[in-house]
Amino acid sequence: MAAIWGRMFRRSLSGVGQLSAAAASEEHQGARMWKILTFIVAIPGVTVCMLNCYLKAQQHSHERHDFVPYEHLRIRTKPFPWGDGTHSFFHNPHTNPLPTGWEDAEEH
């Protein structure tokens, strides 16, 4: 009886070894496929997108639009706790107007 169980146990272990080798081979193929896709598709795609953004930024005119004091924008009930109280924390004078209008670049 022990001999029968021993043969069955050996057969089941040999099958497990074959399955794990096949799984490892499939896993290696999957990693290889994603590595190839990264170098052939992803990196050139990101490069083309970066070039497109750079060229569009070079063509874009940097003139600002006229300030229109809409009442529903830039509502401030109390001043900001930093600086002079009118500039937001990430204020950019070229793109963000104050509630009273655009500020001149010479002031900063």
PDB file of N, CA and C in Angstrom:
ATOM      1  N   MET A   1       0.818  -1.189   0.000  1.00  0.00           N
ATOM      2  CA  MET A   1       0.000   0.000   0.000  1.00  0.00           C
ATOM      3  C   MET A   1       0.867   1.260   0.000  1.00  0.00           C
ATOM      4  N   ALA A   2       1.924   1.247   0.744  1.00  0.00           N
ATOM      5  CA  ALA A   2       2.812   2.400   0.823  1.00  0.00           C
ATOM      6  C   ALA A   2       3.477   2.661  -0.524  1.00  0.00           C
ATOM      7  N   ALA A   3       3.737   1.574  -1.279  1.00  0.00           N
ATOM      8  CA  ALA A   3       4.370   1.736  -2.584  1.00  0.00           C
ATOM      9  C   ALA A   3       3.433   2.453  -3.549  1.00  0.00           C
ATOM     10  N   ILE A   4       2.155   2.159  -3.471  1.00  0.00           N
ATOM     11  CA  ILE A   4       1.178   2.804  -4.352  1.00  0.00           C
ATOM     12  C   ILE A   4       1.108   4.296  -4.038  1.00  0.00           C
ATOM     13  N   TRP A   5       1.025   4.611  -2.738  1.00  0.00           N
ATOM     14  CA  TRP A   5       0.971   6.017  -2.344  1.00  0.00           C
ATOM     15  C   TRP A   5       2.255   6.757  -2.730  1.00  0.00           C
ATOM     16  N   GLY A   6       3.377   6.073  -2.639  1.00  0.00           N
ATOM     17  CA  GLY A   6       4.654   6.686  -3.003  1.00  0.00           C
ATOM     18  C   GLY A   6       4.693   7.033  -4.485  1.00  0.00           C
ATOM     19  N   ARG A   7       4.211   6.080  -5.338  1.00  0.00           N
ATOM     20  CA  ARG A   7       4.186   6.359  -6.780  1.00  0.00           C
ATOM     21  C   ARG A   7       3.241   7.520  -7.109  1.00  0.00           C
ATOM     22  N   MET A   8       2.087   7.538  -6.465  1.00  0.00           N
ATOM     23  CA  MET A   8       1.133   8.617  -6.725  1.00  0.00           C
ATOM     24  C   MET A   8       1.701   9.971  -6.284  1.00  0.00           C
ATOM     25  N   PHE A   9       2.386   9.964  -5.151  1.00  0.00           N
ATOM     26  CA  PHE A   9       2.964  11.196  -4.630  1.00  0.00           C
ATOM     27  C   PHE A   9       4.065  11.721  -5.562  1.00  0.00           C
ATOM     28  N   ARG A  10       4.916  10.776  -6.075  1.00  0.00           N
ATOM     29  CA  ARG A  10       5.976  11.176  -6.996  1.00  0.00           C
ATOM     30  C   ARG A  10       5.411  11.735  -8.289  1.00  0.00           C
ATOM     31  N   ARG A  11       4.328  11.135  -8.789  1.00  0.00           N
ATOM     32  CA  ARG A  11       3.698  11.628 -10.014  1.00  0.00           C
ATOM     33  C   ARG A  11       3.126  13.031  -9.813  1.00  0.00           C
ATOM     34  N   SER A  12       2.506  13.255  -8.671  1.00  0.00           N
ATOM     35  CA  SER A  12       1.921  14.567  -8.426  1.00  0.00           C
ATOM     36  C   SER A  12       3.011  15.624  -8.281  1.00  0.00           C
ATOM     37  N   LEU A  13       4.156  15.270  -7.668  1.00  0.00           N
ATOM     38  CA  LEU A  13       5.247  16.233  -7.542  1.00  0.00           C
ATOM     39  C   LEU A  13       5.888  16.545  -8.889  1.00  0.00           C
ATOM     40  N   SER A  14       6.000  15.537  -9.753  1.00  0.00           N
ATOM     41  CA  SER A  14       6.608  15.805 -11.060  1.00  0.00           C
ATOM     42  C   SER A  14       5.706  16.716 -11.886  1.00  0.00           C
ATOM     43  N   GLY A  15       4.385  16.585 -11.734  1.00  0.00           N
ATOM     44  CA  GLY A  15       3.457  17.467 -12.446  1.00  0.00           C
ATOM     45  C   GLY A  15       3.546  18.896 -11.953  1.00  0.00           C
ATOM     46  N   VAL A  16       3.746  19.061 -10.657  1.00  0.00           N
ATOM     47  CA  VAL A  16       3.862  20.393 -10.090  1.00  0.00           C
ATOM     48  C   VAL A  16       5.114  21.074 -10.620  1.00  0.00           C
ATOM     49  N   GLY A  17       6.195  20.353 -10.733  1.00  0.00           N
ATOM     50  CA  GLY A  17       7.430  20.925 -11.251  1.00  0.00           C
ATOM     51  C   GLY A  17       7.273  21.376 -12.688  1.00  0.00           C
ATOM     52  N   GLN A  18       6.546  20.591 -13.478  1.00  0.00           N
ATOM     53  CA  GLN A  18       6.340  20.967 -14.871  1.00  0.00           C
ATOM     54  C   GLN A  18       5.436  22.190 -14.974  1.00  0.00           C
ATOM     55  N   LEU A  19       4.425  22.262 -14.142  1.00  0.00           N
ATOM     56  CA  LEU A  19       3.532  23.402 -14.182  1.00  0.00           C
ATOM     57  C   LEU A  19       4.249  24.680 -13.765  1.00  0.00           C
ATOM     58  N   SER A  20       5.082  24.600 -12.741  1.00  0.00           N
ATOM     59  CA  SER A  20       5.758  25.801 -12.299  1.00  0.00           C
ATOM     60  C   SER A  20       6.777  26.272 -13.340  1.00  0.00           C
ATOM     61  N   ALA A  21       7.404  25.354 -14.052  1.00  0.00           N
ATOM     62  CA  ALA A  21       8.337  25.741 -15.106  1.00  0.00           C
ATOM     63  C   ALA A  21       7.579  26.402 -16.257  1.00  0.00           C
ATOM     64  N   ALA A  22       6.398  25.869 -16.586  1.00  0.00           N
ATOM     65  CA  ALA A  22       5.595  26.468 -17.657  1.00  0.00           C
ATOM     66  C   ALA A  22       5.090  27.848 -17.237  1.00  0.00           C
ATOM     67  N   ALA A  23       4.676  27.971 -15.985  1.00  0.00           N
ATOM     68  CA  ALA A  23       4.203  29.261 -15.496  1.00  0.00           C
ATOM     69  C   ALA A  23       5.333  30.281 -15.488  1.00  0.00           C
ATOM     70  N   ALA A  24       6.517  29.859 -15.117  1.00  0.00           N
ATOM     71  CA  ALA A  24       7.656  30.768 -15.116  1.00  0.00           C
ATOM     72  C   ALA A  24       7.995  31.199 -16.534  1.00  0.00           C
ATOM     73  N   SER A  25       7.877  30.289 -17.484  1.00  0.00           N
ATOM     74  CA  SER A  25       8.145  30.630 -18.878  1.00  0.00           C
ATOM     75  C   SER A  25       7.124  31.626 -19.396  1.00  0.00           C
ATOM     76  N   GLU A  26       5.837  31.421 -19.056  1.00  0.00           N
ATOM     77  CA  GLU A  26       4.788  32.356 -19.469  1.00  0.00           C
ATOM     78  C   GLU A  26       4.991  33.720 -18.812  1.00  0.00           C
ATOM     79  N   GLU A  27       5.401  33.712 -17.546  1.00  0.00           N
ATOM     80  CA  GLU A  27       5.633  34.965 -16.846  1.00  0.00           C
ATOM     81  C   GLU A  27       6.797  35.717 -17.485  1.00  0.00           C
ATOM     82  N   HIS A  28       7.831  34.996 -17.885  1.00  0.00           N
ATOM     83  CA  HIS A  28       8.966  35.629 -18.552  1.00  0.00           C
ATOM     84  C   HIS A  28       8.541  36.206 -19.895  1.00  0.00           C
ATOM     85  N   GLN A  29       7.682  35.512 -20.620  1.00  0.00           N
ATOM     86  CA  GLN A  29       7.205  36.018 -21.908  1.00  0.00           C
ATOM     87  C   GLN A  29       6.369  37.277 -21.721  1.00  0.00           C
ATOM     88  N   GLY A  30       5.553  37.301 -20.686  1.00  0.00           N
ATOM     89  CA  GLY A  30       4.739  38.488 -20.409  1.00  0.00           C
ATOM     90  C   GLY A  30       5.601  39.689 -20.048  1.00  0.00           C
ATOM     91  N   ALA A  31       6.611  39.474 -19.230  1.00  0.00           N
ATOM     92  CA  ALA A  31       7.514  40.567 -18.866  1.00  0.00           C
ATOM     93  C   ALA A  31       8.276  41.052 -20.093  1.00  0.00           C
ATOM     94  N   ARG A  32       8.679  40.147 -20.946  1.00  0.00           N
ATOM     95  CA  ARG A  32       9.405  40.506 -22.174  1.00  0.00           C
ATOM     96  C   ARG A  32       8.507  41.331 -23.099  1.00  0.00           C
ATOM     97  N   MET A  33       7.214  40.925 -23.205  1.00  0.00           N
ATOM     98  CA  MET A  33       6.286  41.652 -24.059  1.00  0.00           C
ATOM     99  C   MET A  33       6.109  43.087 -23.561  1.00  0.00           C
ATOM    100  N   TRP A  34       5.932  43.274 -22.239  1.00  0.00           N
ATOM    101  CA  TRP A  34       5.732  44.612 -21.703  1.00  0.00           C
ATOM    102  C   TRP A  34       6.988  45.465 -21.807  1.00  0.00           C
ATOM    103  N   LYS A  35       8.152  44.831 -21.707  1.00  0.00           N
ATOM    104  CA  LYS A  35       9.397  45.570 -21.880  1.00  0.00           C
ATOM    105  C   LYS A  35       9.524  46.070 -23.314  1.00  0.00           C
ATOM    106  N   ILE A  36       9.198  45.221 -24.285  1.00  0.00           N
ATOM    107  CA  ILE A  36       9.248  45.612 -25.695  1.00  0.00           C
ATOM    108  C   ILE A  36       8.233  46.713 -25.970  1.00  0.00           C
ATOM    109  N   LEU A  37       7.007  46.574 -25.447  1.00  0.00           N
ATOM    110  CA  LEU A  37       5.987  47.608 -25.647  1.00  0.00           C
ATOM    111  C   LEU A  37       6.408  48.943 -25.029  1.00  0.00           C
ATOM    112  N   THR A  38       7.090  48.892 -23.903  1.00  0.00           N
ATOM    113  CA  THR A  38       7.548  50.127 -23.275  1.00  0.00           C
ATOM    114  C   THR A  38       8.514  50.866 -24.177  1.00  0.00           C
ATOM    115  N   PHE A  39       9.485  50.145 -24.726  1.00  0.00           N
ATOM    116  CA  PHE A  39      10.504  50.796 -25.547  1.00  0.00           C
ATOM    117  C   PHE A  39      10.023  51.150 -26.938  1.00  0.00           C
ATOM    118  N   ILE A  40       9.072  50.395 -27.495  1.00  0.00           N
ATOM    119  CA  ILE A  40       8.630  50.642 -28.872  1.00  0.00           C
ATOM    120  C   ILE A  40       7.418  51.560 -28.937  1.00  0.00           C
ATOM    121  N   VAL A  41       6.533  51.514 -27.941  1.00  0.00           N
ATOM    122  CA  VAL A  41       5.299  52.298 -27.996  1.00  0.00           C
ATOM    123  C   VAL A  41       5.299  53.438 -26.973  1.00  0.00           C
ATOM    124  N   ALA A  42       5.552  53.136 -25.715  1.00  0.00           N
ATOM    125  CA  ALA A  42       5.362  54.128 -24.650  1.00  0.00           C
ATOM    126  C   ALA A  42       6.376  55.267 -24.712  1.00  0.00           C
ATOM    127  N   ILE A  43       7.643  54.957 -24.780  1.00  0.00           N
ATOM    128  CA  ILE A  43       8.661  56.010 -24.762  1.00  0.00           C
ATOM    129  C   ILE A  43       8.571  56.896 -26.001  1.00  0.00           C
ATOM    130  N   PRO A  44       8.450  56.345 -27.229  1.00  0.00           N
ATOM    131  CA  PRO A  44       8.262  57.248 -28.375  1.00  0.00           C
ATOM    132  C   PRO A  44       6.958  58.043 -28.296  1.00  0.00           C
ATOM    133  N   GLY A  45       5.895  57.448 -27.766  1.00  0.00           N
ATOM    134  CA  GLY A  45       4.629  58.170 -27.627  1.00  0.00           C
ATOM    135  C   GLY A  45       4.741  59.347 -26.690  1.00  0.00           C
ATOM    136  N   VAL A  46       5.391  59.164 -25.553  1.00  0.00           N
ATOM    137  CA  VAL A  46       5.586  60.256 -24.604  1.00  0.00           C
ATOM    138  C   VAL A  46       6.488  61.328 -25.214  1.00  0.00           C
ATOM    139  N   THR A  47       7.496  60.908 -25.964  1.00  0.00           N
ATOM    140  CA  THR A  47       8.394  61.869 -26.608  1.00  0.00           C
ATOM    141  C   THR A  47       7.648  62.722 -27.629  1.00  0.00           C
ATOM    142  N   VAL A  48       6.795  62.108 -28.437  1.00  0.00           N
ATOM    143  CA  VAL A  48       6.014  62.849 -29.432  1.00  0.00           C
ATOM    144  C   VAL A  48       5.056  63.823 -28.740  1.00  0.00           C
ATOM    145  N   CYS A  49       4.433  63.403 -27.654  1.00  0.00           N
ATOM    146  CA  CYS A  49       3.517  64.291 -26.918  1.00  0.00           C
ATOM    147  C   CYS A  49       4.274  65.470 -26.315  1.00  0.00           C
ATOM    148  N   MET A  50       5.458  65.230 -25.764  1.00  0.00           N
ATOM    149  CA  MET A  50       6.249  66.325 -25.200  1.00  0.00           C
ATOM    150  C   MET A  50       6.671  67.309 -26.285  1.00  0.00           C
ATOM    151  N   LEU A  51       7.072  66.797 -27.443  1.00  0.00           N
ATOM    152  CA  LEU A  51       7.458  67.667 -28.555  1.00  0.00           C
ATOM    153  C   LEU A  51       6.266  68.496 -29.024  1.00  0.00           C
ATOM    154  N   ASN A  52       5.091  67.873 -29.106  1.00  0.00           N
ATOM    155  CA  ASN A  52       3.887  68.583 -29.506  1.00  0.00           C
ATOM    156  C   ASN A  52       3.570  69.712 -28.529  1.00  0.00           C
ATOM    157  N   CYS A  53       3.633  69.440 -27.244  1.00  0.00           N
ATOM    158  CA  CYS A  53       3.360  70.482 -26.238  1.00  0.00           C
ATOM    159  C   CYS A  53       4.378  71.606 -26.336  1.00  0.00           C
ATOM    160  N   TYR A  54       5.637  71.285 -26.521  1.00  0.00           N
ATOM    161  CA  TYR A  54       6.674  72.309 -26.620  1.00  0.00           C
ATOM    162  C   TYR A  54       6.447  73.192 -27.838  1.00  0.00           C
ATOM    163  N   LEU A  55       6.146  72.587 -28.982  1.00  0.00           N
ATOM    164  CA  LEU A  55       5.933  73.371 -30.198  1.00  0.00           C
ATOM    165  C   LEU A  55       4.679  74.232 -30.097  1.00  0.00           C
ATOM    166  N   LYS A  56       3.614  73.714 -29.485  1.00  0.00           N
ATOM    167  CA  LYS A  56       2.393  74.508 -29.290  1.00  0.00           C
ATOM    168  C   LYS A  56       2.665  75.692 -28.364  1.00  0.00           C
ATOM    169  N   ALA A  57       3.473  75.486 -27.341  1.00  0.00           N
ATOM    170  CA  ALA A  57       3.792  76.575 -26.414  1.00  0.00           C
ATOM    171  C   ALA A  57       4.622  77.644 -27.108  1.00  0.00           C
ATOM    172  N   GLN A  58       5.465  77.263 -28.046  1.00  0.00           N
ATOM    173  CA  GLN A  58       6.266  78.240 -28.771  1.00  0.00           C
ATOM    174  C   GLN A  58       5.400  79.086 -29.699  1.00  0.00           C
ATOM    175  N   GLN A  59       4.345  78.504 -30.269  1.00  0.00           N
ATOM    176  CA  GLN A  59       3.465  79.221 -31.187  1.00  0.00           C
ATOM    177  C   GLN A  59       2.463  80.108 -30.461  1.00  0.00           C
ATOM    178  N   HIS A  60       2.145  79.764 -29.234  1.00  0.00           N
ATOM    179  CA  HIS A  60       1.108  80.459 -28.480  1.00  0.00           C
ATOM    180  C   HIS A  60       1.541  81.894 -28.183  1.00  0.00           C
ATOM    181  N   SER A  61       0.670  82.836 -28.501  1.00  0.00           N
ATOM    182  CA  SER A  61       0.990  84.224 -28.172  1.00  0.00           C
ATOM    183  C   SER A  61       0.776  84.432 -26.676  1.00  0.00           C
ATOM    184  N   HIS A  62       1.637  85.190 -26.071  1.00  0.00           N
ATOM    185  CA  HIS A  62       1.598  85.373 -24.633  1.00  0.00           C
ATOM    186  C   HIS A  62       0.923  86.682 -24.236  1.00  0.00           C
ATOM    187  N   GLU A  63      -0.007  87.138 -25.062  1.00  0.00           N
ATOM    188  CA  GLU A  63      -0.755  88.338 -24.717  1.00  0.00           C
ATOM    189  C   GLU A  63      -1.910  87.953 -23.817  1.00  0.00           C
ATOM    190  N   ARG A  64      -2.144  88.756 -22.782  1.00  0.00           N
ATOM    191  CA  ARG A  64      -3.254  88.441 -21.902  1.00  0.00           C
ATOM    192  C   ARG A  64      -4.525  89.127 -22.403  1.00  0.00           C
ATOM    193  N   HIS A  65      -5.622  88.540 -22.034  1.00  0.00           N
ATOM    194  CA  HIS A  65      -6.916  89.099 -22.410  1.00  0.00           C
ATOM    195  C   HIS A  65      -7.253  90.286 -21.509  1.00  0.00           C
ATOM    196  N   ASP A  66      -8.193  91.073 -21.935  1.00  0.00           N
ATOM    197  CA  ASP A  66      -8.615  92.220 -21.129  1.00  0.00           C
ATOM    198  C   ASP A  66      -9.303  91.731 -19.863  1.00  0.00           C
ATOM    199  N   PHE A  67      -9.087  92.442 -18.785  1.00  0.00           N
ATOM    200  CA  PHE A  67      -9.687  92.072 -17.511  1.00  0.00           C
ATOM    201  C   PHE A  67     -11.152  92.478 -17.490  1.00  0.00           C
ATOM    202  N   VAL A  68     -12.012  91.529 -17.134  1.00  0.00           N
ATOM    203  CA  VAL A  68     -13.437  91.803 -16.967  1.00  0.00           C
ATOM    204  C   VAL A  68     -13.777  91.480 -15.509  1.00  0.00           C
ATOM    205  N   PRO A  69     -14.185  92.456 -14.721  1.00  0.00           N
ATOM    206  CA  PRO A  69     -14.433  92.209 -13.291  1.00  0.00           C
ATOM    207  C   PRO A  69     -15.787  91.529 -13.041  1.00  0.00           C
ATOM    208  N   TYR A  70     -15.890  90.251 -13.341  1.00  0.00           N
ATOM    209  CA  TYR A  70     -17.120  89.516 -13.054  1.00  0.00           C
ATOM    210  C   TYR A  70     -17.342  89.464 -11.553  1.00  0.00           C
ATOM    211  N   GLU A  71     -18.580  89.658 -11.124  1.00  0.00           N
ATOM    212  CA  GLU A  71     -18.873  89.719  -9.691  1.00  0.00           C
ATOM    213  C   GLU A  71     -18.791  88.350  -9.017  1.00  0.00           C
ATOM    214  N   HIS A  72     -19.026  87.289  -9.770  1.00  0.00           N
ATOM    215  CA  HIS A  72     -19.052  85.955  -9.160  1.00  0.00           C
ATOM    216  C   HIS A  72     -17.660  85.320  -9.068  1.00  0.00           C
ATOM    217  N   LEU A  73     -16.641  85.929  -9.670  1.00  0.00           N
ATOM    218  CA  LEU A  73     -15.275  85.420  -9.584  1.00  0.00           C
ATOM    219  C   LEU A  73     -14.479  86.217  -8.560  1.00  0.00           C
ATOM    220  N   ARG A  74     -13.475  85.579  -7.984  1.00  0.00           N
ATOM    221  CA  ARG A  74     -12.564  86.224  -7.036  1.00  0.00           C
ATOM    222  C   ARG A  74     -13.291  86.876  -5.862  1.00  0.00           C
ATOM    223  N   ILE A  75     -14.274  86.180  -5.316  1.00  0.00           N
ATOM    224  CA  ILE A  75     -14.991  86.671  -4.142  1.00  0.00           C
ATOM    225  C   ILE A  75     -14.107  86.409  -2.922  1.00  0.00           C
ATOM    226  N   ARG A  76     -13.809  87.451  -2.167  1.00  0.00           N
ATOM    227  CA  ARG A  76     -12.975  87.309  -0.979  1.00  0.00           C
ATOM    228  C   ARG A  76     -13.658  88.021   0.175  1.00  0.00           C
ATOM    229  N   THR A  77     -14.046  87.244   1.180  1.00  0.00           N
ATOM    230  CA  THR A  77     -14.703  87.838   2.340  1.00  0.00           C
ATOM    231  C   THR A  77     -13.695  88.313   3.377  1.00  0.00           C
ATOM    232  N   LYS A  78     -12.495  87.755   3.368  1.00  0.00           N
ATOM    233  CA  LYS A  78     -11.436  88.209   4.264  1.00  0.00           C
ATOM    234  C   LYS A  78     -10.103  88.023   3.542  1.00  0.00           C
ATOM    235  N   PRO A  79      -9.093  88.775   3.901  1.00  0.00           N
ATOM    236  CA  PRO A  79      -7.808  88.678   3.204  1.00  0.00           C
ATOM    237  C   PRO A  79      -7.098  87.354   3.496  1.00  0.00           C
ATOM    238  N   PHE A  80      -6.214  86.972   2.592  1.00  0.00           N
ATOM    239  CA  PHE A  80      -5.403  85.775   2.813  1.00  0.00           C
ATOM    240  C   PHE A  80      -4.463  86.023   3.991  1.00  0.00           C
ATOM    241  N   PRO A  81      -4.126  84.973   4.760  1.00  0.00           N
ATOM    242  CA  PRO A  81      -3.284  85.178   5.947  1.00  0.00           C
ATOM    243  C   PRO A  81      -1.796  85.355   5.631  1.00  0.00           C
ATOM    244  N   TRP A  82      -1.393  85.412   4.376  1.00  0.00           N
ATOM    245  CA  TRP A  82       0.018  85.586   4.027  1.00  0.00           C
ATOM    246  C   TRP A  82       0.172  86.808   3.131  1.00  0.00           C
ATOM    247  N   GLY A  83       1.355  87.326   3.117  1.00  0.00           N
ATOM    248  CA  GLY A  83       1.665  88.463   2.249  1.00  0.00           C
ATOM    249  C   GLY A  83       0.797  89.673   2.535  1.00  0.00           C
ATOM    250  N   ASP A  84       0.376  90.335   1.462  1.00  0.00           N
ATOM    251  CA  ASP A  84      -0.460  91.528   1.620  1.00  0.00           C
ATOM    252  C   ASP A  84      -1.951  91.193   1.695  1.00  0.00           C
ATOM    253  N   GLY A  85      -2.314  89.920   1.564  1.00  0.00           N
ATOM    254  CA  GLY A  85      -3.701  89.488   1.706  1.00  0.00           C
ATOM    255  C   GLY A  85      -4.495  89.458   0.424  1.00  0.00           C
ATOM    256  N   THR A  86      -3.933  89.962  -0.679  1.00  0.00           N
ATOM    257  CA  THR A  86      -4.670  89.962  -1.947  1.00  0.00           C
ATOM    258  C   THR A  86      -4.175  88.894  -2.912  1.00  0.00           C
ATOM    259  N   HIS A  87      -2.973  88.391  -2.692  1.00  0.00           N
ATOM    260  CA  HIS A  87      -2.402  87.381  -3.589  1.00  0.00           C
ATOM    261  C   HIS A  87      -2.669  85.986  -3.036  1.00  0.00           C
ATOM    262  N   SER A  88      -3.127  85.066  -3.904  1.00  0.00           N
ATOM    263  CA  SER A  88      -3.333  83.689  -3.471  1.00  0.00           C
ATOM    264  C   SER A  88      -1.982  83.043  -3.191  1.00  0.00           C
ATOM    265  N   PHE A  89      -1.992  81.853  -2.612  1.00  0.00           N
ATOM    266  CA  PHE A  89      -0.746  81.199  -2.211  1.00  0.00           C
ATOM    267  C   PHE A  89       0.130  80.884  -3.431  1.00  0.00           C
ATOM    268  N   PHE A  90      -0.483  80.458  -4.543  1.00  0.00           N
ATOM    269  CA  PHE A  90       0.265  80.147  -5.763  1.00  0.00           C
ATOM    270  C   PHE A  90       0.012  81.227  -6.815  1.00  0.00           C
ATOM    271  N   HIS A  91       0.138  82.462  -6.447  1.00  0.00           N
ATOM    272  CA  HIS A  91      -0.169  83.573  -7.340  1.00  0.00           C
ATOM    273  C   HIS A  91       0.902  83.718  -8.417  1.00  0.00           C
ATOM    274  N   ASN A  92       0.453  83.907  -9.654  1.00  0.00           N
ATOM    275  CA  ASN A  92       1.334  84.177 -10.777  1.00  0.00           C
ATOM    276  C   ASN A  92       0.832  85.462 -11.428  1.00  0.00           C
ATOM    277  N   PRO A  93       1.599  86.533 -11.388  1.00  0.00           N
ATOM    278  CA  PRO A  93       1.091  87.809 -11.900  1.00  0.00           C
ATOM    279  C   PRO A  93       0.845  87.818 -13.399  1.00  0.00           C
ATOM    280  N   HIS A  94       1.396  86.872 -14.126  1.00  0.00           N
ATOM    281  CA  HIS A  94       1.190  86.820 -15.577  1.00  0.00           C
ATOM    282  C   HIS A  94      -0.115  86.133 -15.958  1.00  0.00           C
ATOM    283  N   THR A  95      -0.629  85.266 -15.079  1.00  0.00           N
ATOM    284  CA  THR A  95      -1.842  84.512 -15.420  1.00  0.00           C
ATOM    285  C   THR A  95      -3.005  84.735 -14.459  1.00  0.00           C
ATOM    286  N   ASN A  96      -2.741  85.221 -13.245  1.00  0.00           N
ATOM    287  CA  ASN A  96      -3.790  85.390 -12.249  1.00  0.00           C
ATOM    288  C   ASN A  96      -4.016  86.859 -11.945  1.00  0.00           C
ATOM    289  N   PRO A  97      -5.159  87.409 -12.336  1.00  0.00           N
ATOM    290  CA  PRO A  97      -5.421  88.813 -11.981  1.00  0.00           C
ATOM    291  C   PRO A  97      -5.890  88.919 -10.529  1.00  0.00           C
ATOM    292  N   LEU A  98      -5.722  90.073  -9.974  1.00  0.00           N
ATOM    293  CA  LEU A  98      -6.255  90.376  -8.645  1.00  0.00           C
ATOM    294  C   LEU A  98      -7.723  90.769  -8.801  1.00  0.00           C
ATOM    295  N   PRO A  99      -8.491  90.898  -7.730  1.00  0.00           N
ATOM    296  CA  PRO A  99      -9.898  91.304  -7.858  1.00  0.00           C
ATOM    297  C   PRO A  99     -10.071  92.669  -8.525  1.00  0.00           C
ATOM    298  N   THR A 100      -9.057  93.492  -8.451  1.00  0.00           N
ATOM    299  CA  THR A 100      -9.144  94.820  -9.069  1.00  0.00           C
ATOM    300  C   THR A 100      -8.614  94.855 -10.493  1.00  0.00           C
ATOM    301  N   GLY A 101      -7.967  93.815 -10.947  1.00  0.00           N
ATOM    302  CA  GLY A 101      -7.438  93.769 -12.313  1.00  0.00           C
ATOM    303  C   GLY A 101      -6.032  93.217 -12.356  1.00  0.00           C
ATOM    304  N   TRP A 102      -5.433  93.329 -13.539  1.00  0.00           N
ATOM    305  CA  TRP A 102      -4.065  92.828 -13.727  1.00  0.00           C
ATOM    306  C   TRP A 102      -3.083  93.720 -12.988  1.00  0.00           C
ATOM    307  N   GLU A 103      -2.068  93.117 -12.411  1.00  0.00           N
ATOM    308  CA  GLU A 103      -1.025  93.907 -11.780  1.00  0.00           C
ATOM    309  C   GLU A 103       0.143  94.036 -12.752  1.00  0.00           C
ATOM    310  N   ASP A 104       0.847  95.115 -12.671  1.00  0.00           N
ATOM    311  CA  ASP A 104       1.972  95.355 -13.592  1.00  0.00           C
ATOM    312  C   ASP A 104       3.169  94.515 -13.165  1.00  0.00           C
ATOM    313  N   ALA A 105       3.967  94.086 -14.115  1.00  0.00           N
ATOM    314  CA  ALA A 105       5.151  93.268 -13.830  1.00  0.00           C
ATOM    315  C   ALA A 105       6.223  94.067 -13.130  1.00  0.00           C
ATOM    316  N   GLU A 106       6.205  95.406 -13.265  1.00  0.00           N
ATOM    317  CA  GLU A 106       7.238  96.238 -12.642  1.00  0.00           C
ATOM    318  C   GLU A 106       7.098  96.275 -11.114  1.00  0.00           C
ATOM    319  N   GLU A 107       5.900  96.000 -10.605  1.00  0.00           N
ATOM    320  CA  GLU A 107       5.689  96.073  -9.155  1.00  0.00           C
ATOM    321  C   GLU A 107       6.421  94.973  -8.430  1.00  0.00           C
ATOM    322  N   HIS A 108       6.598  93.813  -9.065  1.00  0.00           N
ATOM    323  CA  HIS A 108       7.210  92.670  -8.358  1.00  0.00           C
ATOM    324  C   HIS A 108       8.596  92.467  -8.796  1.00  0.00           C
TER     325      HIS A 108
END
